[in-house]
Amino acid sequence: MALTTPPHPAWEKTMLLNRHLLFLYVTLAVSIGYLISALSLGAPIVESRLTPSFFPVVVGSAAIIFSCILILQKLRAAPEAEQADDAGTYTHLWVVAAIFVYIVAFKPVGYFISSGLFVFALILLFSNFEKLLQKAAMSAAIVVVGYIVFQQMFGVRLPALWG
């Protein structure tokens, strides 16, 4: 049986409170608040029909699950990988900024333009700057699918630039 030394207490503290984990903890807290807010809209299914709260409940639940998965992955990561991640990328801050701009622009600019630019920006944040035309086409396809799901299937009126 091999004896191992316990991890250094300072390493444990920095491991639990580094900026990436802090961002994930905040994301988890916001997701829980979002789910609680979505549940206050009423039951997601009534008389075998979806209600307006169905999609927010699904999104809130998925956000909580994925946040927990990401936190666990980050906690299990080796300290060397953690140090390599801290090389100065601020992707998480850019995502927060993109979400803020999207929320502000959604109603005045409309669903198609704001959502298209938002999805395109997120794709660029998490990939390289190659094949921009292909990424723009993917963004447009995602926005069209979102339109079909919300406007056509669920009857949710989405804002448009033209009124």
N, C-alpha and C. Protein backbone atom coordinates (compact mmCIF):
# COMPACT_ATOMS: atom_id res chain seq x y z
N MET A 1 0.84 -1.16 0.00
CA MET A 1 0.00 0.00 0.00
C MET A 1 0.90 1.24 0.00
N ALA A 2 0.69 2.10 -0.95
CA ALA A 2 1.52 3.30 -1.07
C ALA A 2 0.94 4.42 -0.23
N LEU A 3 1.81 5.12 0.43
CA LEU A 3 1.38 6.28 1.21
C LEU A 3 1.48 7.52 0.35
N THR A 4 0.46 8.33 0.39
CA THR A 4 0.49 9.59 -0.35
C THR A 4 0.33 10.73 0.64
N THR A 5 0.94 11.83 0.31
CA THR A 5 0.83 12.99 1.17
C THR A 5 -0.43 13.76 0.80
N PRO A 6 -1.10 14.31 1.78
CA PRO A 6 -2.30 15.09 1.45
C PRO A 6 -1.92 16.34 0.68
N PRO A 7 -2.83 16.84 -0.13
CA PRO A 7 -2.53 18.07 -0.88
C PRO A 7 -2.28 19.23 0.06
N HIS A 8 -1.48 20.15 -0.40
CA HIS A 8 -1.14 21.33 0.38
C HIS A 8 -2.41 22.17 0.59
N PRO A 9 -2.69 22.64 1.83
CA PRO A 9 -3.92 23.41 2.08
C PRO A 9 -4.05 24.65 1.21
N ALA A 10 -2.95 25.31 0.91
CA ALA A 10 -3.01 26.51 0.05
C ALA A 10 -3.47 26.13 -1.35
N TRP A 11 -3.02 24.94 -1.84
CA TRP A 11 -3.43 24.52 -3.18
C TRP A 11 -4.92 24.23 -3.19
N GLU A 12 -5.43 23.58 -2.12
CA GLU A 12 -6.85 23.29 -2.05
C GLU A 12 -7.67 24.57 -2.08
N LYS A 13 -7.22 25.60 -1.38
CA LYS A 13 -7.96 26.87 -1.34
C LYS A 13 -7.98 27.52 -2.72
N THR A 14 -6.84 27.55 -3.40
CA THR A 14 -6.81 28.17 -4.72
C THR A 14 -7.58 27.31 -5.72
N MET A 15 -7.59 26.01 -5.52
CA MET A 15 -8.31 25.13 -6.43
C MET A 15 -9.81 25.38 -6.34
N LEU A 16 -10.31 25.62 -5.14
CA LEU A 16 -11.74 25.83 -4.97
C LEU A 16 -12.18 27.24 -5.31
N LEU A 17 -11.25 28.19 -5.36
CA LEU A 17 -11.64 29.59 -5.57
C LEU A 17 -10.90 30.27 -6.70
N ASN A 18 -10.47 29.53 -7.72
CA ASN A 18 -9.84 30.23 -8.83
C ASN A 18 -10.92 30.93 -9.67
N ARG A 19 -10.51 31.77 -10.59
CA ARG A 19 -11.49 32.61 -11.30
C ARG A 19 -12.41 31.80 -12.20
N HIS A 20 -11.92 30.69 -12.76
CA HIS A 20 -12.79 29.86 -13.60
C HIS A 20 -13.88 29.20 -12.76
N LEU A 21 -13.50 28.68 -11.61
CA LEU A 21 -14.49 28.05 -10.74
C LEU A 21 -15.44 29.09 -10.17
N LEU A 22 -14.95 30.24 -9.85
CA LEU A 22 -15.81 31.30 -9.34
C LEU A 22 -16.88 31.65 -10.38
N PHE A 23 -16.48 31.75 -11.63
CA PHE A 23 -17.42 32.01 -12.71
C PHE A 23 -18.46 30.90 -12.80
N LEU A 24 -18.01 29.64 -12.67
CA LEU A 24 -18.94 28.51 -12.73
C LEU A 24 -19.89 28.50 -11.54
N TYR A 25 -19.39 28.88 -10.36
CA TYR A 25 -20.27 28.96 -9.18
C TYR A 25 -21.34 30.04 -9.38
N VAL A 26 -20.95 31.18 -9.92
CA VAL A 26 -21.91 32.26 -10.19
C VAL A 26 -22.92 31.79 -11.23
N THR A 27 -22.45 31.10 -12.27
CA THR A 27 -23.34 30.58 -13.29
C THR A 27 -24.34 29.60 -12.69
N LEU A 28 -23.88 28.74 -11.80
CA LEU A 28 -24.77 27.80 -11.13
C LEU A 28 -25.82 28.54 -10.29
N ALA A 29 -25.40 29.56 -9.56
CA ALA A 29 -26.33 30.33 -8.73
C ALA A 29 -27.37 31.04 -9.60
N VAL A 30 -26.94 31.63 -10.71
CA VAL A 30 -27.87 32.30 -11.61
C VAL A 30 -28.83 31.28 -12.23
N SER A 31 -28.32 30.11 -12.56
CA SER A 31 -29.16 29.05 -13.14
C SER A 31 -30.22 28.59 -12.16
N ILE A 32 -29.85 28.46 -10.89
CA ILE A 32 -30.82 28.08 -9.87
C ILE A 32 -31.89 29.16 -9.72
N GLY A 33 -31.46 30.42 -9.70
CA GLY A 33 -32.42 31.52 -9.65
C GLY A 33 -33.34 31.54 -10.86
N TYR A 34 -32.79 31.27 -12.02
CA TYR A 34 -33.58 31.23 -13.25
C TYR A 34 -34.62 30.12 -13.19
N LEU A 35 -34.21 28.93 -12.70
CA LEU A 35 -35.15 27.81 -12.60
C LEU A 35 -36.27 28.13 -11.60
N ILE A 36 -35.92 28.71 -10.48
CA ILE A 36 -36.93 29.09 -9.49
C ILE A 36 -37.91 30.09 -10.10
N SER A 37 -37.39 31.05 -10.85
CA SER A 37 -38.24 32.02 -11.53
C SER A 37 -39.13 31.35 -12.56
N ALA A 38 -38.58 30.40 -13.31
CA ALA A 38 -39.36 29.68 -14.32
C ALA A 38 -40.46 28.85 -13.68
N LEU A 39 -40.16 28.24 -12.54
CA LEU A 39 -41.17 27.43 -11.85
C LEU A 39 -42.30 28.29 -11.30
N SER A 40 -42.02 29.56 -11.04
CA SER A 40 -43.08 30.44 -10.52
C SER A 40 -44.07 30.83 -11.62
N LEU A 41 -43.75 30.52 -12.87
CA LEU A 41 -44.67 30.82 -13.97
C LEU A 41 -45.84 29.84 -14.04
N GLY A 42 -45.74 28.75 -13.30
CA GLY A 42 -46.80 27.75 -13.31
C GLY A 42 -46.28 26.41 -13.79
N ALA A 43 -47.18 25.46 -13.87
CA ALA A 43 -46.80 24.11 -14.29
C ALA A 43 -46.37 24.12 -15.76
N PRO A 44 -45.29 23.38 -16.09
CA PRO A 44 -44.84 23.36 -17.48
C PRO A 44 -45.76 22.59 -18.42
N ILE A 45 -46.55 21.66 -17.88
CA ILE A 45 -47.48 20.88 -18.70
C ILE A 45 -48.83 20.85 -17.99
N VAL A 46 -49.87 21.26 -18.70
CA VAL A 46 -51.23 21.25 -18.16
C VAL A 46 -52.13 20.58 -19.19
N GLU A 47 -52.88 19.59 -18.76
CA GLU A 47 -53.81 18.87 -19.63
C GLU A 47 -53.12 18.38 -20.91
N SER A 48 -51.96 17.78 -20.74
CA SER A 48 -51.17 17.21 -21.85
C SER A 48 -50.72 18.25 -22.87
N ARG A 49 -50.69 19.52 -22.50
CA ARG A 49 -50.23 20.59 -23.40
C ARG A 49 -49.11 21.34 -22.72
N LEU A 50 -48.16 21.79 -23.53
CA LEU A 50 -47.06 22.59 -23.01
C LEU A 50 -47.55 24.00 -22.71
N THR A 51 -47.06 24.54 -21.60
CA THR A 51 -47.40 25.91 -21.23
C THR A 51 -46.19 26.80 -21.48
N PRO A 52 -46.35 28.12 -21.37
CA PRO A 52 -45.21 29.02 -21.59
C PRO A 52 -44.03 28.78 -20.64
N SER A 53 -44.25 28.12 -19.52
CA SER A 53 -43.14 27.89 -18.59
C SER A 53 -42.32 26.65 -18.95
N PHE A 54 -42.76 25.86 -19.91
CA PHE A 54 -42.07 24.61 -20.23
C PHE A 54 -40.63 24.84 -20.65
N PHE A 55 -40.43 25.68 -21.65
CA PHE A 55 -39.08 25.90 -22.16
C PHE A 55 -38.15 26.52 -21.12
N PRO A 56 -38.58 27.55 -20.38
CA PRO A 56 -37.69 28.08 -19.33
C PRO A 56 -37.32 27.04 -18.27
N VAL A 57 -38.23 26.15 -17.93
CA VAL A 57 -37.92 25.10 -16.95
C VAL A 57 -36.87 24.15 -17.52
N VAL A 58 -37.01 23.79 -18.80
CA VAL A 58 -36.03 22.90 -19.44
C VAL A 58 -34.66 23.58 -19.50
N VAL A 59 -34.63 24.85 -19.89
CA VAL A 59 -33.36 25.58 -19.99
C VAL A 59 -32.72 25.72 -18.61
N GLY A 60 -33.50 26.09 -17.60
CA GLY A 60 -32.97 26.24 -16.25
C GLY A 60 -32.42 24.92 -15.71
N SER A 61 -33.14 23.84 -15.93
CA SER A 61 -32.68 22.53 -15.47
C SER A 61 -31.40 22.12 -16.18
N ALA A 62 -31.35 22.32 -17.49
CA ALA A 62 -30.15 21.97 -18.25
C ALA A 62 -28.97 22.83 -17.81
N ALA A 63 -29.20 24.10 -17.55
CA ALA A 63 -28.11 24.99 -17.11
C ALA A 63 -27.54 24.52 -15.77
N ILE A 64 -28.40 24.08 -14.87
CA ILE A 64 -27.94 23.59 -13.57
C ILE A 64 -27.13 22.31 -13.76
N ILE A 65 -27.63 21.39 -14.56
CA ILE A 65 -26.91 20.13 -14.79
C ILE A 65 -25.55 20.39 -15.42
N PHE A 66 -25.51 21.21 -16.47
CA PHE A 66 -24.23 21.46 -17.15
C PHE A 66 -23.27 22.25 -16.27
N SER A 67 -23.79 23.17 -15.46
CA SER A 67 -22.91 23.90 -14.54
C SER A 67 -22.27 22.94 -13.54
N CYS A 68 -23.06 22.03 -13.01
CA CYS A 68 -22.51 21.04 -12.06
C CYS A 68 -21.46 20.16 -12.72
N ILE A 69 -21.72 19.73 -13.95
CA ILE A 69 -20.75 18.90 -14.67
C ILE A 69 -19.45 19.67 -14.88
N LEU A 70 -19.55 20.93 -15.29
CA LEU A 70 -18.35 21.73 -15.52
C LEU A 70 -17.58 21.98 -14.22
N ILE A 71 -18.29 22.20 -13.12
CA ILE A 71 -17.62 22.39 -11.83
C ILE A 71 -16.87 21.13 -11.43
N LEU A 72 -17.53 19.98 -11.57
CA LEU A 72 -16.86 18.71 -11.24
C LEU A 72 -15.64 18.46 -12.12
N GLN A 73 -15.76 18.75 -13.40
CA GLN A 73 -14.61 18.58 -14.30
C GLN A 73 -13.47 19.49 -13.89
N LYS A 74 -13.77 20.71 -13.54
CA LYS A 74 -12.74 21.67 -13.15
C LYS A 74 -12.09 21.26 -11.84
N LEU A 75 -12.88 20.74 -10.89
CA LEU A 75 -12.32 20.30 -9.62
C LEU A 75 -11.43 19.07 -9.77
N ARG A 76 -11.75 18.23 -10.75
CA ARG A 76 -10.95 17.02 -10.97
C ARG A 76 -9.72 17.27 -11.82
N ALA A 77 -9.63 18.42 -12.45
CA ALA A 77 -8.50 18.72 -13.34
C ALA A 77 -7.20 18.77 -12.54
N ALA A 78 -6.13 18.33 -13.17
CA ALA A 78 -4.81 18.35 -12.53
C ALA A 78 -4.35 19.79 -12.34
N PRO A 79 -3.55 20.05 -11.31
CA PRO A 79 -3.08 21.43 -11.08
C PRO A 79 -2.27 21.97 -12.26
N GLU A 80 -1.54 21.11 -12.97
CA GLU A 80 -0.77 21.58 -14.12
C GLU A 80 -1.70 22.09 -15.22
N ALA A 81 -2.80 21.36 -15.43
CA ALA A 81 -3.76 21.78 -16.45
C ALA A 81 -4.42 23.08 -16.02
N GLU A 82 -4.65 23.22 -14.73
CA GLU A 82 -5.26 24.44 -14.20
C GLU A 82 -4.36 25.64 -14.45
N GLN A 83 -3.06 25.49 -14.22
CA GLN A 83 -2.14 26.58 -14.45
C GLN A 83 -2.05 26.92 -15.92
N ALA A 84 -2.14 25.92 -16.79
CA ALA A 84 -2.10 26.18 -18.23
C ALA A 84 -3.34 26.94 -18.66
N ASP A 85 -4.49 26.66 -18.03
CA ASP A 85 -5.73 27.36 -18.37
C ASP A 85 -5.68 28.83 -17.97
N ASP A 86 -4.92 29.16 -16.94
CA ASP A 86 -4.86 30.54 -16.45
C ASP A 86 -3.89 31.41 -17.24
N ALA A 87 -3.66 31.08 -18.47
CA ALA A 87 -2.67 31.78 -19.27
C ALA A 87 -3.11 33.19 -19.67
N GLY A 88 -4.27 33.63 -19.25
CA GLY A 88 -4.68 34.99 -19.54
C GLY A 88 -5.86 35.08 -20.48
N THR A 89 -6.59 33.99 -20.67
CA THR A 89 -7.78 34.07 -21.50
C THR A 89 -8.93 34.60 -20.66
N TYR A 90 -9.73 35.43 -21.27
CA TYR A 90 -10.87 36.02 -20.59
C TYR A 90 -12.16 35.68 -21.32
N THR A 91 -12.23 34.46 -21.85
CA THR A 91 -13.39 34.04 -22.62
C THR A 91 -14.67 34.16 -21.81
N HIS A 92 -14.61 33.77 -20.54
CA HIS A 92 -15.81 33.82 -19.71
C HIS A 92 -16.34 35.25 -19.58
N LEU A 93 -15.46 36.22 -19.52
CA LEU A 93 -15.90 37.61 -19.43
C LEU A 93 -16.51 38.08 -20.75
N TRP A 94 -15.93 37.62 -21.87
CA TRP A 94 -16.49 37.96 -23.18
C TRP A 94 -17.88 37.35 -23.35
N VAL A 95 -18.08 36.13 -22.81
CA VAL A 95 -19.41 35.50 -22.89
C VAL A 95 -20.42 36.33 -22.10
N VAL A 96 -20.06 36.76 -20.92
CA VAL A 96 -20.95 37.59 -20.10
C VAL A 96 -21.27 38.90 -20.84
N ALA A 97 -20.26 39.51 -21.43
CA ALA A 97 -20.47 40.75 -22.19
C ALA A 97 -21.40 40.50 -23.38
N ALA A 98 -21.20 39.38 -24.08
CA ALA A 98 -22.05 39.06 -25.23
C ALA A 98 -23.50 38.84 -24.79
N ILE A 99 -23.70 38.17 -23.67
CA ILE A 99 -25.06 37.96 -23.16
C ILE A 99 -25.71 39.30 -22.81
N PHE A 100 -24.96 40.18 -22.18
CA PHE A 100 -25.49 41.50 -21.81
C PHE A 100 -25.90 42.28 -23.06
N VAL A 101 -25.04 42.32 -24.06
CA VAL A 101 -25.35 43.04 -25.30
C VAL A 101 -26.57 42.41 -25.98
N TYR A 102 -26.63 41.10 -25.97
CA TYR A 102 -27.76 40.38 -26.58
C TYR A 102 -29.08 40.76 -25.90
N ILE A 103 -29.08 40.77 -24.58
CA ILE A 103 -30.29 41.11 -23.83
C ILE A 103 -30.73 42.54 -24.13
N VAL A 104 -29.77 43.45 -24.17
CA VAL A 104 -30.08 44.86 -24.43
C VAL A 104 -30.59 45.05 -25.86
N ALA A 105 -30.00 44.34 -26.82
CA ALA A 105 -30.34 44.53 -28.23
C ALA A 105 -31.54 43.72 -28.68
N PHE A 106 -31.96 42.73 -27.92
CA PHE A 106 -32.99 41.79 -28.37
C PHE A 106 -34.28 42.48 -28.82
N LYS A 107 -34.84 43.32 -27.99
CA LYS A 107 -36.12 43.95 -28.34
C LYS A 107 -35.98 45.04 -29.40
N PRO A 108 -35.04 45.98 -29.25
CA PRO A 108 -34.98 47.04 -30.27
C PRO A 108 -34.48 46.58 -31.64
N VAL A 109 -33.58 45.62 -31.68
CA VAL A 109 -33.00 45.18 -32.96
C VAL A 109 -33.78 44.01 -33.54
N GLY A 110 -34.43 43.26 -32.72
CA GLY A 110 -35.22 42.13 -33.19
C GLY A 110 -34.50 40.81 -33.00
N TYR A 111 -35.29 39.74 -33.11
CA TYR A 111 -34.77 38.40 -32.86
C TYR A 111 -33.68 38.00 -33.85
N PHE A 112 -33.93 38.17 -35.14
CA PHE A 112 -33.01 37.64 -36.14
C PHE A 112 -31.62 38.27 -36.09
N ILE A 113 -31.57 39.58 -36.05
CA ILE A 113 -30.26 40.25 -36.06
C ILE A 113 -29.52 40.02 -34.75
N SER A 114 -30.21 40.24 -33.61
CA SER A 114 -29.53 40.10 -32.32
C SER A 114 -29.11 38.65 -32.07
N SER A 115 -29.98 37.70 -32.37
CA SER A 115 -29.65 36.30 -32.14
C SER A 115 -28.57 35.81 -33.10
N GLY A 116 -28.65 36.25 -34.35
CA GLY A 116 -27.63 35.86 -35.32
C GLY A 116 -26.25 36.34 -34.91
N LEU A 117 -26.15 37.60 -34.51
CA LEU A 117 -24.85 38.14 -34.08
C LEU A 117 -24.38 37.48 -32.77
N PHE A 118 -25.31 37.20 -31.88
CA PHE A 118 -24.96 36.57 -30.61
C PHE A 118 -24.41 35.16 -30.83
N VAL A 119 -25.11 34.36 -31.61
CA VAL A 119 -24.65 32.98 -31.88
C VAL A 119 -23.32 33.02 -32.61
N PHE A 120 -23.17 33.90 -33.58
CA PHE A 120 -21.92 34.02 -34.32
C PHE A 120 -20.77 34.40 -33.39
N ALA A 121 -21.03 35.35 -32.49
CA ALA A 121 -20.00 35.77 -31.54
C ALA A 121 -19.59 34.61 -30.62
N LEU A 122 -20.56 33.84 -30.14
CA LEU A 122 -20.23 32.71 -29.27
C LEU A 122 -19.43 31.65 -30.01
N ILE A 123 -19.79 31.39 -31.25
CA ILE A 123 -19.03 30.41 -32.04
C ILE A 123 -17.60 30.88 -32.20
N LEU A 124 -17.41 32.16 -32.48
CA LEU A 124 -16.05 32.69 -32.65
C LEU A 124 -15.27 32.68 -31.34
N LEU A 125 -15.96 32.91 -30.23
CA LEU A 125 -15.27 32.90 -28.93
C LEU A 125 -14.69 31.52 -28.60
N PHE A 126 -15.36 30.48 -29.05
CA PHE A 126 -14.94 29.12 -28.70
C PHE A 126 -14.28 28.38 -29.85
N SER A 127 -13.91 29.09 -30.89
CA SER A 127 -13.21 28.45 -32.01
C SER A 127 -12.22 29.45 -32.59
N ASN A 128 -11.55 29.03 -33.66
CA ASN A 128 -10.60 29.93 -34.30
C ASN A 128 -11.32 30.80 -35.34
N PHE A 129 -10.59 31.73 -35.93
CA PHE A 129 -11.19 32.67 -36.87
C PHE A 129 -11.09 32.20 -38.32
N GLU A 130 -11.18 30.90 -38.53
CA GLU A 130 -11.17 30.34 -39.87
C GLU A 130 -12.59 29.96 -40.27
N LYS A 131 -12.81 29.84 -41.58
CA LYS A 131 -14.10 29.41 -42.13
C LYS A 131 -15.25 30.26 -41.60
N LEU A 132 -15.09 31.57 -41.70
CA LEU A 132 -16.10 32.48 -41.17
C LEU A 132 -17.44 32.36 -41.89
N LEU A 133 -17.41 32.11 -43.19
CA LEU A 133 -18.65 31.97 -43.94
C LEU A 133 -19.44 30.75 -43.47
N GLN A 134 -18.73 29.65 -43.21
CA GLN A 134 -19.38 28.44 -42.71
C GLN A 134 -19.97 28.68 -41.31
N LYS A 135 -19.25 29.42 -40.48
CA LYS A 135 -19.74 29.72 -39.14
C LYS A 135 -20.93 30.66 -39.18
N ALA A 136 -20.93 31.59 -40.13
CA ALA A 136 -22.07 32.49 -40.29
C ALA A 136 -23.30 31.69 -40.76
N ALA A 137 -23.10 30.73 -41.63
CA ALA A 137 -24.21 29.89 -42.09
C ALA A 137 -24.76 29.04 -40.94
N MET A 138 -23.87 28.51 -40.11
CA MET A 138 -24.31 27.75 -38.94
C MET A 138 -25.11 28.63 -37.99
N SER A 139 -24.65 29.85 -37.79
CA SER A 139 -25.37 30.79 -36.92
C SER A 139 -26.76 31.06 -37.47
N ALA A 140 -26.85 31.30 -38.77
CA ALA A 140 -28.15 31.56 -39.39
C ALA A 140 -29.07 30.35 -39.24
N ALA A 141 -28.54 29.16 -39.42
CA ALA A 141 -29.35 27.95 -39.28
C ALA A 141 -29.87 27.79 -37.86
N ILE A 142 -29.03 28.06 -36.87
CA ILE A 142 -29.45 27.96 -35.47
C ILE A 142 -30.55 28.96 -35.16
N VAL A 143 -30.42 30.17 -35.69
CA VAL A 143 -31.43 31.21 -35.46
C VAL A 143 -32.75 30.83 -36.13
N VAL A 144 -32.70 30.28 -37.33
CA VAL A 144 -33.92 29.85 -38.02
C VAL A 144 -34.61 28.72 -37.25
N VAL A 145 -33.83 27.76 -36.76
CA VAL A 145 -34.41 26.67 -35.96
C VAL A 145 -35.05 27.23 -34.69
N GLY A 146 -34.38 28.18 -34.05
CA GLY A 146 -34.95 28.83 -32.87
C GLY A 146 -36.26 29.53 -33.19
N TYR A 147 -36.30 30.20 -34.34
CA TYR A 147 -37.52 30.88 -34.77
C TYR A 147 -38.66 29.87 -34.97
N ILE A 148 -38.35 28.78 -35.64
CA ILE A 148 -39.38 27.75 -35.90
C ILE A 148 -39.90 27.18 -34.57
N VAL A 149 -38.98 26.90 -33.65
CA VAL A 149 -39.39 26.32 -32.36
C VAL A 149 -40.25 27.31 -31.58
N PHE A 150 -39.80 28.55 -31.45
CA PHE A 150 -40.53 29.51 -30.62
C PHE A 150 -41.78 30.06 -31.31
N GLN A 151 -41.60 30.60 -32.49
CA GLN A 151 -42.70 31.29 -33.16
C GLN A 151 -43.73 30.31 -33.72
N GLN A 152 -43.29 29.29 -34.39
CA GLN A 152 -44.22 28.40 -35.07
C GLN A 152 -44.77 27.30 -34.16
N MET A 153 -43.89 26.65 -33.38
CA MET A 153 -44.35 25.53 -32.56
C MET A 153 -44.99 25.99 -31.25
N PHE A 154 -44.34 26.92 -30.54
CA PHE A 154 -44.84 27.34 -29.24
C PHE A 154 -45.69 28.60 -29.31
N GLY A 155 -45.73 29.28 -30.46
CA GLY A 155 -46.54 30.48 -30.60
C GLY A 155 -46.03 31.67 -29.82
N VAL A 156 -44.73 31.71 -29.55
CA VAL A 156 -44.13 32.83 -28.82
C VAL A 156 -43.80 33.93 -29.83
N ARG A 157 -44.34 35.11 -29.61
CA ARG A 157 -44.06 36.22 -30.54
C ARG A 157 -42.68 36.76 -30.25
N LEU A 158 -41.84 36.73 -31.27
CA LEU A 158 -40.47 37.22 -31.15
C LEU A 158 -40.39 38.63 -31.74
N PRO A 159 -39.60 39.51 -31.11
CA PRO A 159 -39.49 40.87 -31.64
C PRO A 159 -38.79 40.90 -33.00
N ALA A 160 -39.23 41.82 -33.82
CA ALA A 160 -38.64 41.97 -35.15
C ALA A 160 -38.25 43.43 -35.35
N LEU A 161 -37.23 43.65 -36.17
CA LEU A 161 -36.77 45.00 -36.46
C LEU A 161 -37.87 45.80 -37.17
N TRP A 162 -38.65 45.12 -37.98
CA TRP A 162 -39.67 45.78 -38.77
C TRP A 162 -41.01 45.91 -38.04
N GLY A 163 -41.06 45.51 -36.77
CA GLY A 163 -42.26 45.75 -35.98
C GLY A 163 -43.08 44.59 -35.63
